[in-house]
């Protein structure tokens, strides 16, 4: 048996997943997997900084230690403030823009909430 939920439109049990969406082959209805996860009560991913504080999109963080940057003449210095972060999936779970360096991805274990 499939662990996927039935189609919300026609209740067909033959749904399948395609590129992050669930699809019903009977009525061609498509819906988001994330919407289905929130409807079933699954918790959203929580990203925490080095001190255990929960981070959210748009927060400002401070870098805790010097971080080497490939292709840059100097590392990111400890104490650098990064504004307007965006949380993403993956090993480096923070997307941001740092003045003088451009777009970066950081690990949440090396930052604290400002």
C-alpha atoms as a PDB file:
ATOM      1  CA  UNK A   1       0.000   0.000   0.000  1.00  0.00           C
ATOM      2  CA  UNK A   2       1.062   3.550  -0.671  1.00  0.00           C
ATOM      3  CA  UNK A   3       1.704   5.864   2.270  1.00  0.00           C
ATOM      4  CA  UNK A   4       0.537   8.834   0.206  1.00  0.00           C
ATOM      5  CA  UNK A   5      -2.846  10.358   1.046  1.00  0.00           C
ATOM      6  CA  UNK A   6      -5.830   9.976  -1.298  1.00  0.00           C
ATOM      7  CA  UNK A   7      -6.775  12.752  -3.713  1.00  0.00           C
ATOM      8  CA  UNK A   8      -8.727  15.501  -1.899  1.00  0.00           C
ATOM      9  CA  UNK A   9     -10.897  16.050  -4.973  1.00  0.00           C
ATOM     10  CA  UNK A  10     -11.979  12.555  -6.073  1.00  0.00           C
ATOM     11  CA  UNK A  11     -10.632  10.408  -3.173  1.00  0.00           C
ATOM     12  CA  UNK A  12      -8.632   8.202  -5.565  1.00  0.00           C
ATOM     13  CA  UNK A  13      -6.018   6.110  -3.761  1.00  0.00           C
ATOM     14  CA  UNK A  14      -3.634   6.027  -6.750  1.00  0.00           C
ATOM     15  CA  UNK A  15      -1.844   9.338  -6.067  1.00  0.00           C
ATOM     16  CA  UNK A  16       1.851   9.731  -6.765  1.00  0.00           C
ATOM     17  CA  UNK A  17       4.566  12.291  -6.057  1.00  0.00           C
ATOM     18  CA  UNK A  18       6.103  14.335  -8.881  1.00  0.00           C
ATOM     19  CA  UNK A  19       8.660  17.152  -8.305  1.00  0.00           C
ATOM     20  CA  UNK A  20       7.449  18.050  -4.848  1.00  0.00           C
ATOM     21  CA  UNK A  21       3.753  17.836  -5.689  1.00  0.00           C
ATOM     22  CA  UNK A  22       1.185  15.113  -5.260  1.00  0.00           C
ATOM     23  CA  UNK A  23      -0.736  14.193  -8.426  1.00  0.00           C
ATOM     24  CA  UNK A  24      -3.950  12.247  -8.968  1.00  0.00           C
ATOM     25  CA  UNK A  25      -3.899  10.235 -12.226  1.00  0.00           C
ATOM     26  CA  UNK A  26      -7.704   9.934 -12.294  1.00  0.00           C
ATOM     27  CA  UNK A  27      -8.760  13.598 -12.131  1.00  0.00           C
ATOM     28  CA  UNK A  28      -5.327  15.271 -12.801  1.00  0.00           C
ATOM     29  CA  UNK A  29      -5.569  17.289  -9.585  1.00  0.00           C
ATOM     30  CA  UNK A  30      -2.193  18.534  -8.262  1.00  0.00           C
ATOM     31  CA  UNK A  31      -1.435  19.831  -4.761  1.00  0.00           C
ATOM     32  CA  UNK A  32       1.619  20.684  -2.685  1.00  0.00           C
ATOM     33  CA  UNK A  33       3.277  18.105  -0.449  1.00  0.00           C
ATOM     34  CA  UNK A  34       4.049  20.815   2.149  1.00  0.00           C
ATOM     35  CA  UNK A  35       0.373  21.757   2.332  1.00  0.00           C
ATOM     36  CA  UNK A  36      -0.431  18.085   2.925  1.00  0.00           C
ATOM     37  CA  UNK A  37       2.211  17.842   5.660  1.00  0.00           C
ATOM     38  CA  UNK A  38       0.795  20.834   7.519  1.00  0.00           C
ATOM     39  CA  UNK A  39      -2.733  19.456   7.165  1.00  0.00           C
ATOM     40  CA  UNK A  40      -1.671  16.166   8.783  1.00  0.00           C
ATOM     41  CA  UNK A  41      -0.040  18.000  11.698  1.00  0.00           C
ATOM     42  CA  UNK A  42       3.639  17.336  10.932  1.00  0.00           C
ATOM     43  CA  UNK A  43       5.932  19.894  12.548  1.00  0.00           C
ATOM     44  CA  UNK A  44       7.897  22.317  10.395  1.00  0.00           C
ATOM     45  CA  UNK A  45      11.682  22.178  10.506  1.00  0.00           C
ATOM     46  CA  UNK A  46      13.150  24.259  13.324  1.00  0.00           C
ATOM     47  CA  UNK A  47      16.555  25.923  12.857  1.00  0.00           C
ATOM     48  CA  UNK A  48      18.445  26.915  16.012  1.00  0.00           C
ATOM     49  CA  UNK A  49      21.564  29.029  16.433  1.00  0.00           C
ATOM     50  CA  UNK A  50      24.641  28.100  18.516  1.00  0.00           C
ATOM     51  CA  UNK A  51      22.862  29.155  21.736  1.00  0.00           C
ATOM     52  CA  UNK A  52      19.705  27.169  20.981  1.00  0.00           C
ATOM     53  CA  UNK A  53      17.556  30.170  20.023  1.00  0.00           C
ATOM     54  CA  UNK A  54      15.067  29.506  17.228  1.00  0.00           C
ATOM     55  CA  UNK A  55      15.826  31.398  14.009  1.00  0.00           C
ATOM     56  CA  UNK A  56      13.239  32.686  11.528  1.00  0.00           C
ATOM     57  CA  UNK A  57      13.340  34.276   8.077  1.00  0.00           C
ATOM     58  CA  UNK A  58      14.285  37.952   8.284  1.00  0.00           C
ATOM     59  CA  UNK A  59      16.253  37.691  11.551  1.00  0.00           C
ATOM     60  CA  UNK A  60      19.672  39.260  12.039  1.00  0.00           C
ATOM     61  CA  UNK A  61      22.556  37.090  13.243  1.00  0.00           C
ATOM     62  CA  UNK A  62      26.155  37.596  14.348  1.00  0.00           C
ATOM     63  CA  UNK A  63      28.981  35.298  13.222  1.00  0.00           C
ATOM     64  CA  UNK A  64      30.724  33.671  16.207  1.00  0.00           C
ATOM     65  CA  UNK A  65      34.107  32.702  14.741  1.00  0.00           C
ATOM     66  CA  UNK A  66      36.307  33.536  11.766  1.00  0.00           C
ATOM     67  CA  UNK A  67      35.041  31.575   8.757  1.00  0.00           C
ATOM     68  CA  UNK A  68      37.267  30.989   5.714  1.00  0.00           C
ATOM     69  CA  UNK A  69      35.695  31.845   2.348  1.00  0.00           C
ATOM     70  CA  UNK A  70      36.925  30.105  -0.799  1.00  0.00           C
ATOM     71  CA  UNK A  71      38.186  32.613  -3.341  1.00  0.00           C
ATOM     72  CA  UNK A  72      38.132  35.545  -0.926  1.00  0.00           C
ATOM     73  CA  UNK A  73      41.345  37.232   0.226  1.00  0.00           C
ATOM     74  CA  UNK A  74      40.188  37.314   3.839  1.00  0.00           C
ATOM     75  CA  UNK A  75      37.876  35.270   6.094  1.00  0.00           C
ATOM     76  CA  UNK A  76      34.553  36.414   7.514  1.00  0.00           C
ATOM     77  CA  UNK A  77      35.439  37.909  10.870  1.00  0.00           C
ATOM     78  CA  UNK A  78      33.799  36.967  14.137  1.00  0.00           C
ATOM     79  CA  UNK A  79      31.311  39.644  15.163  1.00  0.00           C
ATOM     80  CA  UNK A  80      30.116  40.386  11.620  1.00  0.00           C
ATOM     81  CA  UNK A  81      26.392  41.174  11.672  1.00  0.00           C
ATOM     82  CA  UNK A  82      24.272  39.597   8.942  1.00  0.00           C
ATOM     83  CA  UNK A  83      20.796  41.045   8.319  1.00  0.00           C
ATOM     84  CA  UNK A  84      17.693  39.551   6.699  1.00  0.00           C
ATOM     85  CA  UNK A  85      18.594  35.867   6.672  1.00  0.00           C
ATOM     86  CA  UNK A  86      16.552  33.262   4.829  1.00  0.00           C
ATOM     87  CA  UNK A  87      16.275  29.699   6.133  1.00  0.00           C
ATOM     88  CA  UNK A  88      16.709  26.900   3.593  1.00  0.00           C
ATOM     89  CA  UNK A  89      16.986  23.109   3.600  1.00  0.00           C
ATOM     90  CA  UNK A  90      20.386  21.454   3.549  1.00  0.00           C
ATOM     91  CA  UNK A  91      23.683  21.370   5.405  1.00  0.00           C
ATOM     92  CA  UNK A  92      24.180  25.144   5.149  1.00  0.00           C
ATOM     93  CA  UNK A  93      20.764  26.211   6.374  1.00  0.00           C
ATOM     94  CA  UNK A  94      21.044  30.032   6.167  1.00  0.00           C
ATOM     95  CA  UNK A  95      21.044  32.047   2.938  1.00  0.00           C
ATOM     96  CA  UNK A  96      22.172  35.659   3.266  1.00  0.00           C
ATOM     97  CA  UNK A  97      23.981  38.540   1.622  1.00  0.00           C
ATOM     98  CA  UNK A  98      27.100  39.883   3.332  1.00  0.00           C
ATOM     99  CA  UNK A  99      28.436  43.279   2.321  1.00  0.00           C
ATOM    100  CA  UNK A 100      31.842  42.919   0.673  1.00  0.00           C
ATOM    101  CA  UNK A 101      31.321  39.183   0.008  1.00  0.00           C
ATOM    102  CA  UNK A 102      27.950  38.865  -1.748  1.00  0.00           C
ATOM    103  CA  UNK A 103      25.557  35.941  -1.453  1.00  0.00           C
ATOM    104  CA  UNK A 104      26.570  33.330   1.132  1.00  0.00           C
ATOM    105  CA  UNK A 105      25.317  30.204   2.798  1.00  0.00           C
ATOM    106  CA  UNK A 106      26.091  29.725   6.482  1.00  0.00           C
ATOM    107  CA  UNK A 107      25.629  26.951   9.002  1.00  0.00           C
ATOM    108  CA  UNK A 108      23.431  27.893  11.942  1.00  0.00           C
ATOM    109  CA  UNK A 109      25.927  26.405  14.412  1.00  0.00           C
ATOM    110  CA  UNK A 110      28.360  29.281  13.710  1.00  0.00           C
ATOM    111  CA  UNK A 111      25.954  32.162  14.356  1.00  0.00           C
ATOM    112  CA  UNK A 112      23.870  33.594  17.188  1.00  0.00           C
ATOM    113  CA  UNK A 113      20.723  35.685  16.967  1.00  0.00           C
ATOM    114  CA  UNK A 114      21.396  39.423  17.207  1.00  0.00           C
END
